[in-house]
Protein backbone atom coordinates (compact mmCIF):
# COMPACT_ATOMS: atom_id res chain seq x y z
CA MET A 1 -1.45 -35.30 39.21
CA SER A 2 0.64 -38.65 38.61
CA LEU A 3 4.08 -38.86 40.28
CA HIS A 4 7.05 -41.21 39.51
CA LEU A 5 9.85 -43.10 41.62
CA GLU A 6 13.24 -42.70 40.56
CA ARG A 7 15.54 -45.61 40.76
CA SER A 8 18.40 -43.79 40.34
CA GLU A 9 20.15 -41.98 43.41
CA PRO A 10 19.57 -38.83 43.05
CA ASP A 11 21.89 -35.51 42.97
CA PRO A 12 22.30 -32.55 45.49
CA LEU A 13 20.59 -29.68 44.91
CA GLN A 14 22.37 -27.24 43.32
CA LEU A 15 20.51 -24.24 41.47
CA LYS A 16 23.78 -21.78 40.71
CA PHE A 17 26.35 -22.58 38.22
CA ARG A 18 29.14 -20.23 37.41
CA PHE A 19 29.84 -20.39 34.08
CA LYS A 20 31.96 -18.07 31.80
CA ARG A 21 30.28 -17.03 28.67
CA LYS A 22 32.35 -16.67 25.38
CA LEU A 23 31.06 -15.29 22.27
CA ARG A 24 32.85 -16.04 18.86
CA THR A 25 31.96 -16.34 15.13
CA ARG A 26 33.11 -17.61 12.41
CA ASN A 27 31.81 -19.76 8.82
CA GLN A 28 29.19 -21.63 8.79
CA LYS A 29 30.22 -25.14 7.91
CA ARG A 30 28.22 -28.01 7.12
CA GLY A 31 30.12 -31.04 5.83
CA GLY A 32 30.30 -31.40 10.55
CA GLN A 33 33.14 -33.93 11.85
CA LYS A 34 35.75 -30.89 12.26
CA ALA A 35 37.52 -30.41 15.36
CA ARG A 36 39.22 -27.73 17.22
CA ARG A 37 41.40 -27.87 19.84
CA GLN A 38 40.28 -25.71 23.40
CA THR A 39 41.93 -25.57 26.60
CA LYS A 40 38.51 -25.11 29.00
CA LEU A 41 34.70 -25.70 28.41
CA LEU A 42 33.24 -22.46 28.61
CA GLN A 43 29.07 -21.83 29.44
CA PRO A 44 26.46 -19.78 30.05
CA MET A 45 24.94 -19.88 33.89
CA ASN A 46 21.48 -21.88 33.61
CA ASP A 47 19.77 -21.83 36.86
CA SER A 48 16.98 -24.03 36.18
CA PRO A 49 16.34 -27.34 36.43
CA ILE A 50 13.74 -28.26 33.94
CA ARG A 51 14.01 -27.44 30.02
CA LEU A 52 11.91 -27.45 26.63
CA SER A 53 13.67 -30.21 24.76
CA ILE A 54 11.65 -29.86 21.32
CA ALA A 55 7.65 -29.24 21.18
CA ALA A 56 6.38 -30.93 17.84
CA PHE A 57 3.10 -29.81 17.10
CA GLY A 58 0.99 -30.35 13.57
CA GLY A 59 -2.51 -31.35 12.17
CA SER A 60 -4.05 -33.38 9.54
CA ALA A 61 -5.13 -32.60 6.38
CA ALA A 62 -8.01 -34.13 6.49
CA GLY A 63 -8.78 -32.47 9.73
CA GLY A 64 -7.24 -29.38 9.47
CA LEU A 65 -6.29 -27.50 12.82
CA ALA A 66 -9.04 -28.67 14.56
CA GLU A 67 -7.44 -32.17 14.46
CA GLY A 68 -4.00 -31.00 15.64
CA PHE A 69 -1.75 -32.78 18.35
CA SER A 70 1.00 -30.96 20.60
CA ASN A 71 3.89 -33.75 21.45
CA ILE A 72 6.04 -32.12 24.09
CA THR A 73 9.46 -33.30 25.53
CA ALA A 74 10.91 -31.88 28.37
CA LYS A 75 14.73 -32.76 30.86
CA VAL A 76 14.55 -32.18 33.97
CA ARG A 77 17.90 -32.53 36.43
CA ASN A 78 18.09 -35.46 38.73
CA ILE A 79 18.03 -33.62 42.14
CA GLY A 80 14.92 -35.79 44.02
CA PHE A 81 13.74 -38.71 44.47
CA THR A 82 10.26 -37.69 43.65
CA LYS A 83 9.32 -35.46 40.48
CA ASP A 84 6.10 -34.05 39.54
CA VAL A 85 5.94 -32.58 36.00
CA ALA A 86 3.60 -31.00 34.11
CA LEU A 87 2.30 -28.90 31.13
CA HIS A 88 0.53 -25.80 31.28
CA TYR A 89 -1.18 -24.44 28.34
CA ASN A 90 -3.96 -22.03 27.47
CA ASN A 91 -6.71 -23.39 26.25
CA GLY A 92 -7.95 -20.35 23.63
CA GLY A 93 -10.55 -18.93 26.08
CA GLY A 94 -8.31 -17.45 28.76
CA THR A 95 -7.80 -20.51 31.01
CA TRP A 96 -5.08 -22.72 32.05
CA VAL A 97 -5.32 -27.03 32.04
CA GLU A 98 -2.35 -28.63 33.90
CA VAL A 99 -1.46 -32.07 32.49
CA PRO A 100 0.96 -34.09 33.70
CA LEU A 101 4.48 -35.17 31.98
CA THR A 102 4.76 -39.17 31.93
CA TRP A 103 8.37 -39.99 32.72
CA LYS A 104 10.28 -41.49 29.59
CA SER A 105 13.77 -42.30 30.50
CA ASN A 106 16.75 -41.28 33.31
CA PHE A 107 20.39 -40.36 31.82
CA GLY A 108 21.68 -40.90 35.95
CA ASP A 109 21.65 -36.84 36.35
CA TYR A 110 19.02 -35.75 34.31
CA ASP A 111 15.56 -37.28 33.40
CA VAL A 112 13.02 -37.30 30.36
CA PHE A 113 9.64 -36.51 29.97
CA PHE A 114 6.60 -36.76 27.71
CA VAL A 115 3.30 -35.61 26.94
CA SER A 116 1.09 -35.88 23.38
CA GLU A 117 -1.81 -33.59 23.44
CA PRO A 118 -4.34 -34.24 20.93
CA LYS A 119 -4.95 -30.59 19.86
CA LEU A 120 -2.47 -27.63 19.03
CA VAL A 121 -1.30 -25.74 22.17
CA GLU A 122 -1.41 -22.24 21.35
CA GLU A 123 0.63 -21.16 24.58
CA PHE A 124 2.42 -23.00 27.09
CA VAL A 125 4.58 -23.39 29.87
CA LEU A 126 6.61 -26.08 31.93
CA ARG A 127 6.59 -26.82 35.56
CA TYR A 128 8.58 -28.70 37.71
CA SER A 129 7.50 -29.15 41.41
CA ILE A 130 10.31 -31.64 43.90
CA GLY A 131 10.90 -31.16 47.84
CA GLY A 132 8.40 -28.33 48.10
CA ILE A 133 10.01 -26.25 45.33
CA THR A 134 8.32 -25.52 42.25
CA PHE A 135 10.65 -24.23 39.00
CA TRP A 136 9.55 -23.15 35.52
CA ASP A 137 10.01 -22.73 31.92
CA ASN A 138 8.11 -20.37 30.26
CA ASP A 139 10.77 -19.47 27.58
CA GLU A 140 12.36 -16.58 29.50
CA GLY A 141 9.37 -14.85 30.37
CA ARG A 142 7.81 -15.40 27.05
CA ASN A 143 5.91 -18.20 27.28
CA TYR A 144 6.52 -20.78 24.57
CA ARG A 145 3.84 -20.01 21.61
CA PHE A 146 2.63 -22.29 18.66
CA ALA A 147 2.59 -19.51 16.39
CA GLY A 148 1.86 -22.17 13.06
CA GLN A 149 5.25 -23.46 13.50
CA ALA A 150 5.92 -27.32 13.36
CA ALA A 151 8.38 -27.44 16.31
CA LEU A 152 10.01 -25.36 18.69
CA ILE A 153 13.06 -26.06 20.84
CA GLY A 154 13.86 -24.78 24.06
CA GLY A 155 16.97 -22.79 24.45
CA ASN A 156 17.06 -23.22 20.19
CA VAL A 157 19.79 -25.81 20.68
CA SER A 158 18.88 -28.96 22.23
CA LEU A 159 20.81 -32.68 22.46
CA LYS A 160 18.43 -35.21 20.78
CA GLY A 161 20.85 -38.23 21.38
CA ALA A 162 24.12 -39.23 21.75
CA THR A 163 25.48 -43.16 21.22
CA ALA A 164 29.21 -44.12 22.15
CA ARG A 165 30.62 -46.05 19.74
CA ARG A 166 34.26 -48.38 20.13
CA ARG A 167 36.63 -50.26 17.60
CA THR A 168 39.26 -52.63 17.75
CA GLN A 169 41.42 -52.66 14.50
CA ALA A 170 44.47 -53.53 13.51
CA GLY A 171 47.49 -50.85 12.87
CA GLY A 172 51.15 -51.39 12.32
CA GLY A 173 51.16 -54.68 13.42
CA LEU A 174 48.91 -54.05 15.94
CA MET A 175 45.38 -54.40 17.99
CA VAL A 176 43.89 -50.82 18.56
CA ASP A 177 41.13 -49.72 20.20
CA THR A 178 39.83 -46.80 19.07
CA SER A 179 36.24 -45.12 20.01
CA TRP A 180 34.34 -42.06 18.97
CA ILE A 181 30.84 -40.10 19.91
CA GLU A 182 27.85 -39.84 17.25
CA GLY A 183 24.40 -37.72 17.96
CA GLU A 184 21.93 -35.29 16.96
CA LEU A 185 20.66 -32.24 17.52
CA TYR A 186 17.59 -30.09 17.82
CA VAL A 187 17.97 -26.31 16.60
CA ASN A 188 16.27 -23.28 16.12
CA ASN A 189 16.05 -21.93 12.94
CA LEU A 190 17.24 -18.49 13.97
CA SER A 191 19.01 -17.66 10.28
CA PRO A 192 21.03 -19.61 7.38
CA ALA A 193 24.18 -18.48 8.63
CA LYS A 194 24.80 -20.64 11.93
CA THR A 195 27.33 -22.85 13.74
CA VAL A 196 26.30 -26.16 15.43
CA GLY A 197 27.81 -28.77 17.46
CA ILE A 198 29.06 -30.42 20.59
CA ARG A 199 32.25 -29.64 22.88
CA LEU A 200 33.99 -32.41 23.45
CA SER A 201 36.71 -33.90 26.44
CA VAL A 202 37.26 -37.37 26.46
CA ASP A 203 39.70 -36.59 29.56
CA ASP A 204 37.17 -35.36 31.82
CA GLY A 205 37.77 -31.77 31.03
CA ALA A 206 41.58 -31.78 31.03
CA THR A 207 41.57 -30.18 27.20
CA TRP A 208 37.92 -29.68 24.96
CA ASP A 209 37.81 -30.36 21.04
CA GLU A 210 34.89 -28.72 19.15
CA VAL A 211 33.19 -30.84 17.41
CA GLU A 212 30.54 -29.34 14.54
CA ALA A 213 27.43 -31.09 13.25
CA SER A 214 25.60 -31.03 9.67
CA PHE A 215 22.49 -29.89 8.76
CA ALA A 216 20.08 -33.44 8.19
CA GLY A 217 16.92 -31.60 7.49
CA PRO A 218 13.98 -30.28 9.50
CA ALA A 219 13.74 -31.18 13.20
CA ILE A 220 10.80 -33.10 12.50
CA GLY A 221 9.94 -36.05 9.53
CA PRO A 222 7.50 -35.58 6.65
CA GLY A 223 3.62 -35.46 6.55
CA VAL A 224 3.03 -32.73 8.46
CA THR A 225 0.99 -29.76 7.63
CA LEU A 226 3.00 -26.91 9.51
CA ASP A 227 5.95 -24.97 8.65
CA VAL A 228 9.12 -27.53 9.48
CA ASN A 229 11.70 -24.89 8.58
CA THR A 230 11.39 -23.46 12.50
CA ALA A 231 13.19 -26.08 13.62
CA GLU A 232 15.64 -28.35 12.49
CA LEU A 233 18.10 -31.35 13.00
CA TRP A 234 22.00 -31.62 12.65
CA VAL A 235 24.10 -34.77 13.32
CA PHE A 236 27.78 -34.86 14.49
CA LYS A 237 30.37 -37.43 14.67
CA SER A 238 33.42 -36.84 16.45
CA PRO A 239 37.16 -38.04 14.84
CA GLU A 240 37.83 -41.52 15.47
CA LEU A 241 40.67 -42.02 17.77
CA ASN A 242 42.36 -44.17 19.97
CA LEU A 243 41.01 -44.43 23.61
CA ASN A 244 42.03 -42.60 25.45
CA PRO A 245 42.10 -44.73 28.91
CA THR A 246 42.40 -41.22 31.13
CA SER A 247 38.63 -40.98 31.88
CA GLY A 248 35.58 -43.55 31.09
CA TYR A 249 33.18 -41.42 29.34
CA PHE A 250 32.70 -38.79 27.27
CA ARG A 251 31.84 -35.33 28.23
CA PHE A 252 30.22 -32.67 26.25
CA ALA A 253 27.74 -29.93 25.80
CA VAL A 254 25.78 -28.69 22.59
CA PHE A 255 26.14 -25.16 20.83
CA HIS A 256 24.74 -22.72 19.02
CA ARG A 257 26.03 -19.59 17.55
CA ASP A 258 23.78 -17.38 15.04
CA LEU A 259 26.60 -16.11 13.38
CA SER A 260 24.22 -13.04 12.39
CA THR A 261 23.95 -12.08 15.71
CA GLY A 262 27.05 -13.59 16.92
CA GLN A 263 24.56 -14.69 19.61
CA GLU A 264 25.70 -18.30 21.21
CA PHE A 265 23.12 -20.99 22.39
CA TRP A 266 23.79 -23.58 25.15
CA ASP A 267 22.60 -27.50 26.14
CA SER A 268 24.52 -28.01 28.85
CA ASN A 269 22.87 -30.67 30.45
CA PHE A 270 21.81 -27.84 33.66
CA GLY A 271 25.50 -26.84 34.05
CA GLN A 272 26.63 -30.67 34.41
CA ASP A 273 27.56 -31.40 31.24
CA TYR A 274 26.83 -34.44 29.36
CA LYS A 275 28.15 -37.60 30.17
CA VAL A 276 28.80 -40.87 28.44
CA SER A 277 30.51 -44.00 29.07
CA LYS A 278 33.08 -45.04 26.42
CA THR A 279 31.40 -48.75 26.68
CA GLU A 280 30.19 -49.18 22.57
CA GLY A 281 26.38 -48.90 22.93
CA SER A 282 26.14 -46.19 25.32
CA VAL A 283 23.70 -43.61 24.53
CA ALA A 284 22.56 -39.78 26.19
CA GLY A 285 19.36 -38.90 24.90
């Protein structure tokens, strides 16, 4: 089983995060870019340092499901130097198979791992072992299940990627620096009535704005023979405002509100929030 040696300094091991959860409902908007002022960031508690980002499944028309594939992307919190991340799946005969995930990228306080398995994985969980401790993401005890879907999103919402933007513009005879952040989100399609977006701070948590995202299509592209309506891609862009020098980075978490049930789902980078430098082109994924 492959091990990955991390180049960045690990964070201290902290597995308990206390956050309050606030449930609110509102009419679904798909226009995006609308911000609402908040005074503080409210998030649910997330105890596990591993989380499925997206599982994408497919099968060729010629070969049918027997020639399918399963692409699994997972995020893990950077709590140590050496990481062992693996996919455990049921091979259909009652035997569980383990396949290591390969390190893909580091974003400071978290890493992204990936594996492409040349078959349709019907049932699976994810394992993260580090420092003699093993953690699991098993979809809250249900295990992840393919069930004819083209994609599954861990926790019902996940950041696909975000990019910081910065421009110098003329205004009132002066040159003004403006900044914003834009990106993409994965969402499980639980209901047509939903609100998706990010809760954003440009001053390191002193104030918060909600930026709503807009629907962009299926989570995976065309050419897949499976049900592509089970997971969606949403895009967001914060308003272009004068650069706030209080903090050098954007800080945010991702939300998905199911308006039909009142449930609220978060991807808050394991309770740490995502942080992206305001330098032009800085990314998180």
